[in-house]
Each structure stands twice: as structure tokens, then as C-alpha cells.
């Protein structure tokens, strides 16, 4: 088997497997209300905040840039407050997912099934929390969802967030594969930069929150995966490898 044969698909979660950002936004605002904060993020602000990878990092960035006069709440240290806000946000998001507010994007499940049926490995490389991943995929794939994935990298295993390639490098090590044996799936410029920095060809399926991002260097930019087959992915991947090695 040649080194460039496609052997694994590595998926981001938020925005890629599912269009989750509206549910995340509502969960952040619920957490702010639960804590008695007069903070409200609208879609325009949240779209800007998505340039910051990680929920806790997003809250902290907003706090420091928009509310620099605030240092503590109810005698709680800043970090403790951010952690509590994130716990409340995660609980609100999980509740929304469990109620059916979020589903997989078109073509995702079909492509995963086709890949598994042809012996490819699947992995996840995300900056979201393990709880968020489990909530989404348990509902979408069933209680045994974890068995579909050889490896999962998330906020708990890769503390250095995208666009740093840490989580993708971890997944390549876990899969024991070279970058040119894998294909990444992302929806954002931070995700694209993270994957390509790890040497991965990357297919982009933007959402309304990321459609304005710069996707220079992507293997393909598509509305979703509904019209994508594994045969096409193999063809695109092989073409990318030939072009890369010809340089």
C-alpha cells in the first residue's frame, strides 16, 4: 500500500459534523442569565467571537475586551467564574441537543457509513468538550457511538486550541498514520489552518457563521457533504498528493 493511500477521515465537530453554533449561542446566553449577568451575545458578536477557539477562551476574551472593569463576581475569582459559566453553558447545550435541537449535517452519516464499510478509520479532532461530543453523537449514532472512532481529540486532550495543530498531531499519532494518508474535514479558517499545519489535506463545509472566512489552501470548499462519495474523496485526495509531491 502506498504511503499516500487514503486510510482515515478526521472530523471536526462544531460546524462540521453538525451546525451547532446557534445552539451554542443560546446556551451561552442562558448561562449568562443563570449567573445574573446582563450579557447578551447576538449572532453578529458571536460570529466574531468564533475566531477564538474554545468556549472558556471565548468567555474570557469577551470579558477582558468588553468588560475590562469587571474582575470578580460574588467574591469568585475570574477563572472560577469563567469555569462556572462554561459548566452552565455546557449543561444548557447538552439539554438542547437531547431535545433534538441539533442534528448531523447533510451527508455526514452516509459518508461515515461508507468509509467504515470500506475499512477506513474515523477520528475526531475538535476544541469542544467531551460532554458536547458525547451529547451530539450519542443522539445521532446511538449509545455505542464511540466504537465508530479509533481516536478522539478534544478540549481535554489538546489544551492548545486551533489554529495550533496540536489536536491533529495527536490524532495522527493515535492513528499511527502519516498526514498524506488522512483527510480532514473542517468548517472554519482556524480549523483549516490547524489541519494544514499538521500536513493534512482539508475539505471545508462552511456554515453561515464561517462562510466569510478565508479558505485558501483547502482541498475543496463545498456547501455540505450530501453529494460527496468516498470515491470522490479518494480521487481528490490522490490528486492533492500528486500535486504536493510534484512540487
C-alpha atoms as a PDB file:
ATOM      1  CA  UNK A   1       0.000   0.000   0.000  1.00  0.00           C
ATOM      2  CA  UNK A   2       1.436   3.358  -0.962  1.00  0.00           C
ATOM      3  CA  UNK A   3       2.027   5.977   1.690  1.00  0.00           C
ATOM      4  CA  UNK A   4      -0.476   8.324   0.067  1.00  0.00           C
ATOM      5  CA  UNK A   5      -3.425   5.900   0.030  1.00  0.00           C
ATOM      6  CA  UNK A   6      -6.369   7.380   1.905  1.00  0.00           C
ATOM      7  CA  UNK A   7      -6.818   5.415   5.122  1.00  0.00           C
ATOM      8  CA  UNK A   8      -8.591   7.720   7.569  1.00  0.00           C
ATOM      9  CA  UNK A   9     -11.053  10.598   7.814  1.00  0.00           C
ATOM     10  CA  UNK A  10     -10.635  13.078  10.657  1.00  0.00           C
ATOM     11  CA  UNK A  11     -13.634  15.253  11.529  1.00  0.00           C
ATOM     12  CA  UNK A  12     -14.026  18.494  13.400  1.00  0.00           C
ATOM     13  CA  UNK A  13     -17.302  18.624  15.358  1.00  0.00           C
ATOM     14  CA  UNK A  14     -18.920  22.043  15.775  1.00  0.00           C
ATOM     15  CA  UNK A  15     -19.991  23.363  12.397  1.00  0.00           C
ATOM     16  CA  UNK A  16     -18.621  20.311  10.585  1.00  0.00           C
ATOM     17  CA  UNK A  17     -20.432  17.227  11.863  1.00  0.00           C
ATOM     18  CA  UNK A  18     -23.376  19.399  12.873  1.00  0.00           C
ATOM     19  CA  UNK A  19     -24.381  23.041  12.547  1.00  0.00           C
ATOM     20  CA  UNK A  20     -24.239  23.559  16.297  1.00  0.00           C
ATOM     21  CA  UNK A  21     -23.372  27.221  16.676  1.00  0.00           C
ATOM     22  CA  UNK A  22     -26.911  28.579  17.113  1.00  0.00           C
ATOM     23  CA  UNK A  23     -27.446  26.076  19.925  1.00  0.00           C
ATOM     24  CA  UNK A  24     -24.109  27.034  21.476  1.00  0.00           C
ATOM     25  CA  UNK A  25     -25.018  30.725  21.259  1.00  0.00           C
ATOM     26  CA  UNK A  26     -28.347  30.149  23.003  1.00  0.00           C
ATOM     27  CA  UNK A  27     -26.551  28.096  25.675  1.00  0.00           C
ATOM     28  CA  UNK A  28     -24.022  30.863  26.346  1.00  0.00           C
ATOM     29  CA  UNK A  29     -26.819  33.393  26.775  1.00  0.00           C
ATOM     30  CA  UNK A  30     -28.683  31.009  29.081  1.00  0.00           C
ATOM     31  CA  UNK A  31     -25.557  30.637  31.207  1.00  0.00           C
ATOM     32  CA  UNK A  32     -25.138  34.397  31.442  1.00  0.00           C
ATOM     33  CA  UNK A  33     -28.759  34.749  32.569  1.00  0.00           C
ATOM     34  CA  UNK A  34     -28.383  31.935  35.107  1.00  0.00           C
ATOM     35  CA  UNK A  35     -25.404  33.753  36.625  1.00  0.00           C
ATOM     36  CA  UNK A  36     -27.315  37.026  36.773  1.00  0.00           C
ATOM     37  CA  UNK A  37     -25.106  38.719  34.175  1.00  0.00           C
ATOM     38  CA  UNK A  38     -26.551  41.333  31.871  1.00  0.00           C
ATOM     39  CA  UNK A  39     -24.585  39.931  28.940  1.00  0.00           C
ATOM     40  CA  UNK A  40     -26.274  39.041  25.673  1.00  0.00           C
ATOM     41  CA  UNK A  41     -24.423  37.804  22.614  1.00  0.00           C
ATOM     42  CA  UNK A  42     -26.189  38.302  19.289  1.00  0.00           C
ATOM     43  CA  UNK A  43     -25.294  36.456  16.085  1.00  0.00           C
ATOM     44  CA  UNK A  44     -23.015  39.210  14.797  1.00  0.00           C
ATOM     45  CA  UNK A  45     -20.981  39.310  18.007  1.00  0.00           C
ATOM     46  CA  UNK A  46     -20.861  35.527  18.282  1.00  0.00           C
ATOM     47  CA  UNK A  47     -19.654  35.260  14.703  1.00  0.00           C
ATOM     48  CA  UNK A  48     -16.702  37.472  15.680  1.00  0.00           C
ATOM     49  CA  UNK A  49     -16.103  35.514  18.878  1.00  0.00           C
ATOM     50  CA  UNK A  50     -15.858  32.283  16.892  1.00  0.00           C
ATOM     51  CA  UNK A  51     -12.426  33.495  15.827  1.00  0.00           C
ATOM     52  CA  UNK A  52     -11.456  32.476  19.368  1.00  0.00           C
ATOM     53  CA  UNK A  53     -11.331  28.695  19.660  1.00  0.00           C
ATOM     54  CA  UNK A  54     -12.759  27.176  22.845  1.00  0.00           C
ATOM     55  CA  UNK A  55     -15.768  28.138  24.945  1.00  0.00           C
ATOM     56  CA  UNK A  56     -13.869  29.195  28.060  1.00  0.00           C
ATOM     57  CA  UNK A  57     -11.428  31.152  25.939  1.00  0.00           C
ATOM     58  CA  UNK A  58     -14.337  32.881  24.214  1.00  0.00           C
ATOM     59  CA  UNK A  59     -15.905  33.957  27.515  1.00  0.00           C
ATOM     60  CA  UNK A  60     -12.593  35.195  28.874  1.00  0.00           C
ATOM     61  CA  UNK A  61     -11.798  37.128  25.701  1.00  0.00           C
ATOM     62  CA  UNK A  62     -15.201  38.835  25.784  1.00  0.00           C
ATOM     63  CA  UNK A  63     -14.871  39.641  29.471  1.00  0.00           C
ATOM     64  CA  UNK A  64     -11.416  41.161  29.141  1.00  0.00           C
ATOM     65  CA  UNK A  65     -12.107  43.147  25.978  1.00  0.00           C
ATOM     66  CA  UNK A  66     -15.678  44.300  26.564  1.00  0.00           C
ATOM     67  CA  UNK A  67     -15.849  44.460  30.368  1.00  0.00           C
ATOM     68  CA  UNK A  68     -12.321  45.381  31.497  1.00  0.00           C
ATOM     69  CA  UNK A  69     -13.638  46.982  34.696  1.00  0.00           C
ATOM     70  CA  UNK A  70     -15.014  43.638  35.955  1.00  0.00           C
ATOM     71  CA  UNK A  71     -12.622  41.493  37.949  1.00  0.00           C
ATOM     72  CA  UNK A  72     -14.743  39.305  40.222  1.00  0.00           C
ATOM     73  CA  UNK A  73     -18.354  38.290  40.710  1.00  0.00           C
ATOM     74  CA  UNK A  74     -19.745  37.428  44.127  1.00  0.00           C
ATOM     75  CA  UNK A  75     -16.212  37.014  45.530  1.00  0.00           C
ATOM     76  CA  UNK A  76     -15.374  34.363  42.938  1.00  0.00           C
ATOM     77  CA  UNK A  77     -12.063  34.647  41.095  1.00  0.00           C
ATOM     78  CA  UNK A  78     -12.213  35.379  37.391  1.00  0.00           C
ATOM     79  CA  UNK A  79     -11.125  31.880  36.367  1.00  0.00           C
ATOM     80  CA  UNK A  80     -13.624  30.278  38.717  1.00  0.00           C
ATOM     81  CA  UNK A  81     -16.397  32.429  37.268  1.00  0.00           C
ATOM     82  CA  UNK A  82     -15.423  31.504  33.722  1.00  0.00           C
ATOM     83  CA  UNK A  83     -15.379  27.815  34.683  1.00  0.00           C
ATOM     84  CA  UNK A  84     -18.822  28.071  36.278  1.00  0.00           C
ATOM     85  CA  UNK A  85     -20.232  29.910  33.270  1.00  0.00           C
ATOM     86  CA  UNK A  86     -18.857  27.219  30.999  1.00  0.00           C
ATOM     87  CA  UNK A  87     -20.362  24.459  33.149  1.00  0.00           C
ATOM     88  CA  UNK A  88     -23.774  26.120  32.937  1.00  0.00           C
ATOM     89  CA  UNK A  89     -23.371  26.675  29.210  1.00  0.00           C
ATOM     90  CA  UNK A  90     -22.400  23.031  28.650  1.00  0.00           C
ATOM     91  CA  UNK A  91     -25.431  21.821  30.603  1.00  0.00           C
ATOM     92  CA  UNK A  92     -27.731  24.088  28.586  1.00  0.00           C
ATOM     93  CA  UNK A  93     -26.206  22.898  25.310  1.00  0.00           C
ATOM     94  CA  UNK A  94     -26.488  19.232  26.283  1.00  0.00           C
ATOM     95  CA  UNK A  95     -30.149  19.768  27.158  1.00  0.00           C
ATOM     96  CA  UNK A  96     -30.770  21.388  23.772  1.00  0.00           C
ATOM     97  CA  UNK A  97     -29.081  18.517  21.921  1.00  0.00           C
ATOM     98  CA  UNK A  98     -31.025  15.926  23.919  1.00  0.00           C
ATOM     99  CA  UNK A  99     -34.253  17.700  22.981  1.00  0.00           C
ATOM    100  CA  UNK A 100     -33.429  17.388  19.280  1.00  0.00           C
ATOM    101  CA  UNK A 101     -32.307  20.960  18.607  1.00  0.00           C
ATOM    102  CA  UNK A 102     -29.183  19.789  16.744  1.00  0.00           C
ATOM    103  CA  UNK A 103     -28.690  17.109  14.092  1.00  0.00           C
ATOM    104  CA  UNK A 104     -25.863  15.966  11.848  1.00  0.00           C
ATOM    105  CA  UNK A 105     -25.289  17.964   8.674  1.00  0.00           C
ATOM    106  CA  UNK A 106     -26.410  16.509   5.317  1.00  0.00           C
ATOM    107  CA  UNK A 107     -24.256  13.657   4.046  1.00  0.00           C
ATOM    108  CA  UNK A 108     -22.195  13.193   7.206  1.00  0.00           C
ATOM    109  CA  UNK A 109     -23.719   9.916   8.377  1.00  0.00           C
ATOM    110  CA  UNK A 110     -23.788   8.450   4.871  1.00  0.00           C
ATOM    111  CA  UNK A 111     -20.120   9.246   4.322  1.00  0.00           C
ATOM    112  CA  UNK A 112     -19.131   7.824   7.696  1.00  0.00           C
ATOM    113  CA  UNK A 113     -21.007   4.606   6.988  1.00  0.00           C
ATOM    114  CA  UNK A 114     -19.411   4.310   3.554  1.00  0.00           C
ATOM    115  CA  UNK A 115     -15.943   4.905   4.978  1.00  0.00           C
ATOM    116  CA  UNK A 116     -16.376   2.328   7.743  1.00  0.00           C
ATOM    117  CA  UNK A 117     -17.796  -0.140   5.241  1.00  0.00           C
ATOM    118  CA  UNK A 118     -14.668   0.179   3.113  1.00  0.00           C
ATOM    119  CA  UNK A 119     -12.264  -0.201   6.010  1.00  0.00           C
ATOM    120  CA  UNK A 120     -11.250   3.410   6.599  1.00  0.00           C
ATOM    121  CA  UNK A 121     -10.630   4.646  10.116  1.00  0.00           C
ATOM    122  CA  UNK A 122     -12.513   7.593  11.615  1.00  0.00           C
ATOM    123  CA  UNK A 123     -11.251  10.096  14.165  1.00  0.00           C
ATOM    124  CA  UNK A 124     -12.363  13.370  15.734  1.00  0.00           C
ATOM    125  CA  UNK A 125     -10.211  16.484  16.161  1.00  0.00           C
ATOM    126  CA  UNK A 126     -12.056  19.282  17.940  1.00  0.00           C
ATOM    127  CA  UNK A 127     -11.658  22.020  20.522  1.00  0.00           C
ATOM    128  CA  UNK A 128     -15.040  21.307  22.115  1.00  0.00           C
ATOM    129  CA  UNK A 129     -15.545  19.415  25.378  1.00  0.00           C
ATOM    130  CA  UNK A 130     -16.025  15.636  25.684  1.00  0.00           C
ATOM    131  CA  UNK A 131     -19.524  16.233  27.091  1.00  0.00           C
ATOM    132  CA  UNK A 132     -20.568  18.176  23.979  1.00  0.00           C
ATOM    133  CA  UNK A 133     -19.222  15.481  21.669  1.00  0.00           C
ATOM    134  CA  UNK A 134     -20.974  12.702  23.563  1.00  0.00           C
ATOM    135  CA  UNK A 135     -24.294  14.556  23.663  1.00  0.00           C
ATOM    136  CA  UNK A 136     -24.299  15.129  19.916  1.00  0.00           C
ATOM    137  CA  UNK A 137     -23.074  11.737  18.751  1.00  0.00           C
ATOM    138  CA  UNK A 138     -24.993   9.669  21.286  1.00  0.00           C
ATOM    139  CA  UNK A 139     -28.221  11.103  19.912  1.00  0.00           C
ATOM    140  CA  UNK A 140     -27.106  10.880  16.270  1.00  0.00           C
ATOM    141  CA  UNK A 141     -25.381   7.479  16.290  1.00  0.00           C
ATOM    142  CA  UNK A 142     -26.750   5.713  19.358  1.00  0.00           C
ATOM    143  CA  UNK A 143     -25.266   4.618  22.694  1.00  0.00           C
ATOM    144  CA  UNK A 144     -22.352   2.796  21.031  1.00  0.00           C
ATOM    145  CA  UNK A 145     -21.276   5.873  19.025  1.00  0.00           C
ATOM    146  CA  UNK A 146     -17.741   5.737  20.435  1.00  0.00           C
ATOM    147  CA  UNK A 147     -16.984   2.451  18.663  1.00  0.00           C
ATOM    148  CA  UNK A 148     -17.077   4.228  15.286  1.00  0.00           C
ATOM    149  CA  UNK A 149     -13.954   6.259  16.091  1.00  0.00           C
ATOM    150  CA  UNK A 150     -10.422   4.974  16.534  1.00  0.00           C
ATOM    151  CA  UNK A 151      -9.359   8.158  18.306  1.00  0.00           C
ATOM    152  CA  UNK A 152     -10.881  11.371  19.672  1.00  0.00           C
ATOM    153  CA  UNK A 153      -9.022  14.586  20.380  1.00  0.00           C
ATOM    154  CA  UNK A 154     -10.903  17.303  22.252  1.00  0.00           C
ATOM    155  CA  UNK A 155     -10.519  20.208  24.675  1.00  0.00           C
ATOM    156  CA  UNK A 156      -9.449  17.848  27.455  1.00  0.00           C
ATOM    157  CA  UNK A 157      -6.638  16.214  25.482  1.00  0.00           C
ATOM    158  CA  UNK A 158      -5.458  19.179  23.386  1.00  0.00           C
ATOM    159  CA  UNK A 159      -5.363  22.313  25.554  1.00  0.00           C
ATOM    160  CA  UNK A 160      -3.622  24.351  22.857  1.00  0.00           C
ATOM    161  CA  UNK A 161      -6.546  25.307  20.680  1.00  0.00           C
ATOM    162  CA  UNK A 162      -6.866  25.637  16.916  1.00  0.00           C
ATOM    163  CA  UNK A 163      -5.349  27.141  14.754  1.00  0.00           C
ATOM    164  CA  UNK A 164      -2.475  25.357  16.513  1.00  0.00           C
ATOM    165  CA  UNK A 165      -2.144  21.835  15.045  1.00  0.00           C
ATOM    166  CA  UNK A 166      -1.839  20.061  18.428  1.00  0.00           C
ATOM    167  CA  UNK A 167      -5.114  18.141  18.215  1.00  0.00           C
ATOM    168  CA  UNK A 168      -4.433  16.939  14.658  1.00  0.00           C
ATOM    169  CA  UNK A 169      -0.893  15.893  15.516  1.00  0.00           C
ATOM    170  CA  UNK A 170      -2.321  13.902  18.423  1.00  0.00           C
ATOM    171  CA  UNK A 171      -4.813  12.170  16.137  1.00  0.00           C
ATOM    172  CA  UNK A 172      -2.145  11.282  13.578  1.00  0.00           C
ATOM    173  CA  UNK A 173      -0.075   9.735  16.370  1.00  0.00           C
ATOM    174  CA  UNK A 174      -3.085   7.826  17.700  1.00  0.00           C
ATOM    175  CA  UNK A 175      -3.973   6.544  14.227  1.00  0.00           C
ATOM    176  CA  UNK A 176      -0.315   5.736  13.515  1.00  0.00           C
ATOM    177  CA  UNK A 177      -0.704   7.263  10.080  1.00  0.00           C
ATOM    178  CA  UNK A 178       1.151   9.881   8.085  1.00  0.00           C
ATOM    179  CA  UNK A 179      -0.619  13.121   7.143  1.00  0.00           C
ATOM    180  CA  UNK A 180      -0.787  12.074   3.489  1.00  0.00           C
ATOM    181  CA  UNK A 181      -2.816   9.005   4.481  1.00  0.00           C
ATOM    182  CA  UNK A 182      -5.617  11.086   6.011  1.00  0.00           C
ATOM    183  CA  UNK A 183      -8.194  13.693   5.077  1.00  0.00           C
ATOM    184  CA  UNK A 184      -9.519  16.353   7.448  1.00  0.00           C
ATOM    185  CA  UNK A 185     -12.987  17.935   7.481  1.00  0.00           C
ATOM    186  CA  UNK A 186     -13.468  21.458   8.830  1.00  0.00           C
ATOM    187  CA  UNK A 187     -15.810  24.444   8.612  1.00  0.00           C
ATOM    188  CA  UNK A 188     -13.636  27.390   9.720  1.00  0.00           C
ATOM    189  CA  UNK A 189     -10.390  29.128   8.892  1.00  0.00           C
ATOM    190  CA  UNK A 190      -8.949  28.249  12.316  1.00  0.00           C
ATOM    191  CA  UNK A 191      -9.761  24.611  11.663  1.00  0.00           C
ATOM    192  CA  UNK A 192      -8.254  24.746   8.176  1.00  0.00           C
ATOM    193  CA  UNK A 193      -5.076  26.340   9.495  1.00  0.00           C
ATOM    194  CA  UNK A 194      -4.832  23.733  12.251  1.00  0.00           C
ATOM    195  CA  UNK A 195      -5.254  20.780   9.891  1.00  0.00           C
ATOM    196  CA  UNK A 196      -2.969  22.070   7.142  1.00  0.00           C
ATOM    197  CA  UNK A 197      -0.284  22.933   9.700  1.00  0.00           C
ATOM    198  CA  UNK A 198      -0.319  19.228  10.572  1.00  0.00           C
ATOM    199  CA  UNK A 199       0.128  18.417   6.882  1.00  0.00           C
ATOM    200  CA  UNK A 200      -3.445  17.321   6.169  1.00  0.00           C
ATOM    201  CA  UNK A 201      -5.428  17.898   3.011  1.00  0.00           C
ATOM    202  CA  UNK A 202      -8.642  19.523   4.233  1.00  0.00           C
ATOM    203  CA  UNK A 203     -12.186  19.666   2.891  1.00  0.00           C
ATOM    204  CA  UNK A 204     -14.287  22.617   4.055  1.00  0.00           C
ATOM    205  CA  UNK A 205     -18.070  22.758   4.523  1.00  0.00           C
ATOM    206  CA  UNK A 206     -18.776  26.269   5.868  1.00  0.00           C
ATOM    207  CA  UNK A 207     -21.804  27.339   7.871  1.00  0.00           C
ATOM    208  CA  UNK A 208     -23.500  30.738   7.941  1.00  0.00           C
ATOM    209  CA  UNK A 209     -21.139  31.627  10.791  1.00  0.00           C
ATOM    210  CA  UNK A 210     -17.972  30.833   8.825  1.00  0.00           C
ATOM    211  CA  UNK A 211     -18.870  31.413   5.163  1.00  0.00           C
ATOM    212  CA  UNK A 212     -16.905  34.687   5.170  1.00  0.00           C
ATOM    213  CA  UNK A 213     -13.655  33.018   6.294  1.00  0.00           C
ATOM    214  CA  UNK A 214     -10.552  32.711   4.136  1.00  0.00           C
ATOM    215  CA  UNK A 215     -10.291  29.101   2.946  1.00  0.00           C
ATOM    216  CA  UNK A 216      -7.186  29.481   0.813  1.00  0.00           C
ATOM    217  CA  UNK A 217      -5.381  26.151   0.721  1.00  0.00           C
ATOM    218  CA  UNK A 218      -8.456  23.952   1.193  1.00  0.00           C
ATOM    219  CA  UNK A 219      -8.756  20.792  -0.890  1.00  0.00           C
ATOM    220  CA  UNK A 220     -12.385  21.679  -1.657  1.00  0.00           C
ATOM    221  CA  UNK A 221     -14.999  24.105  -0.290  1.00  0.00           C
ATOM    222  CA  UNK A 222     -18.495  22.597  -0.509  1.00  0.00           C
ATOM    223  CA  UNK A 223     -21.936  23.563   0.848  1.00  0.00           C
ATOM    224  CA  UNK A 224     -22.161  20.206   2.665  1.00  0.00           C
ATOM    225  CA  UNK A 225     -21.325  16.529   2.191  1.00  0.00           C
ATOM    226  CA  UNK A 226     -24.661  15.458   0.722  1.00  0.00           C
ATOM    227  CA  UNK A 227     -23.273  14.960  -2.797  1.00  0.00           C
ATOM    228  CA  UNK A 228     -19.870  13.613  -1.753  1.00  0.00           C
ATOM    229  CA  UNK A 229     -18.901   9.959  -2.152  1.00  0.00           C
ATOM    230  CA  UNK A 230     -15.874   8.138  -0.844  1.00  0.00           C
ATOM    231  CA  UNK A 231     -14.776   7.526  -4.426  1.00  0.00           C
ATOM    232  CA  UNK A 232     -14.679  11.286  -4.990  1.00  0.00           C
ATOM    233  CA  UNK A 233     -12.719  11.816  -1.789  1.00  0.00           C
ATOM    234  CA  UNK A 234     -10.176   9.231  -2.879  1.00  0.00           C
ATOM    235  CA  UNK A 235      -9.842  10.936  -6.256  1.00  0.00           C
ATOM    236  CA  UNK A 236      -9.437  14.426  -4.765  1.00  0.00           C
ATOM    237  CA  UNK A 237      -7.028  13.174  -2.141  1.00  0.00           C
ATOM    238  CA  UNK A 238      -4.895  11.334  -4.699  1.00  0.00           C
ATOM    239  CA  UNK A 239      -4.793  14.424  -6.922  1.00  0.00           C
ATOM    240  CA  UNK A 240      -3.693  16.533  -3.968  1.00  0.00           C
ATOM    241  CA  UNK A 241      -0.915  14.100  -3.127  1.00  0.00           C
ATOM    242  CA  UNK A 242       0.336  14.029  -6.731  1.00  0.00           C
ATOM    243  CA  UNK A 243       0.359  17.842  -6.867  1.00  0.00           C
ATOM    244  CA  UNK A 244       2.115  18.075  -3.498  1.00  0.00           C
ATOM    245  CA  UNK A 245       4.837  15.581  -4.383  1.00  0.00           C
ATOM    246  CA  UNK A 246       5.364  17.161  -7.799  1.00  0.00           C
ATOM    247  CA  UNK A 247       6.395  20.485  -6.234  1.00  0.00           C
END
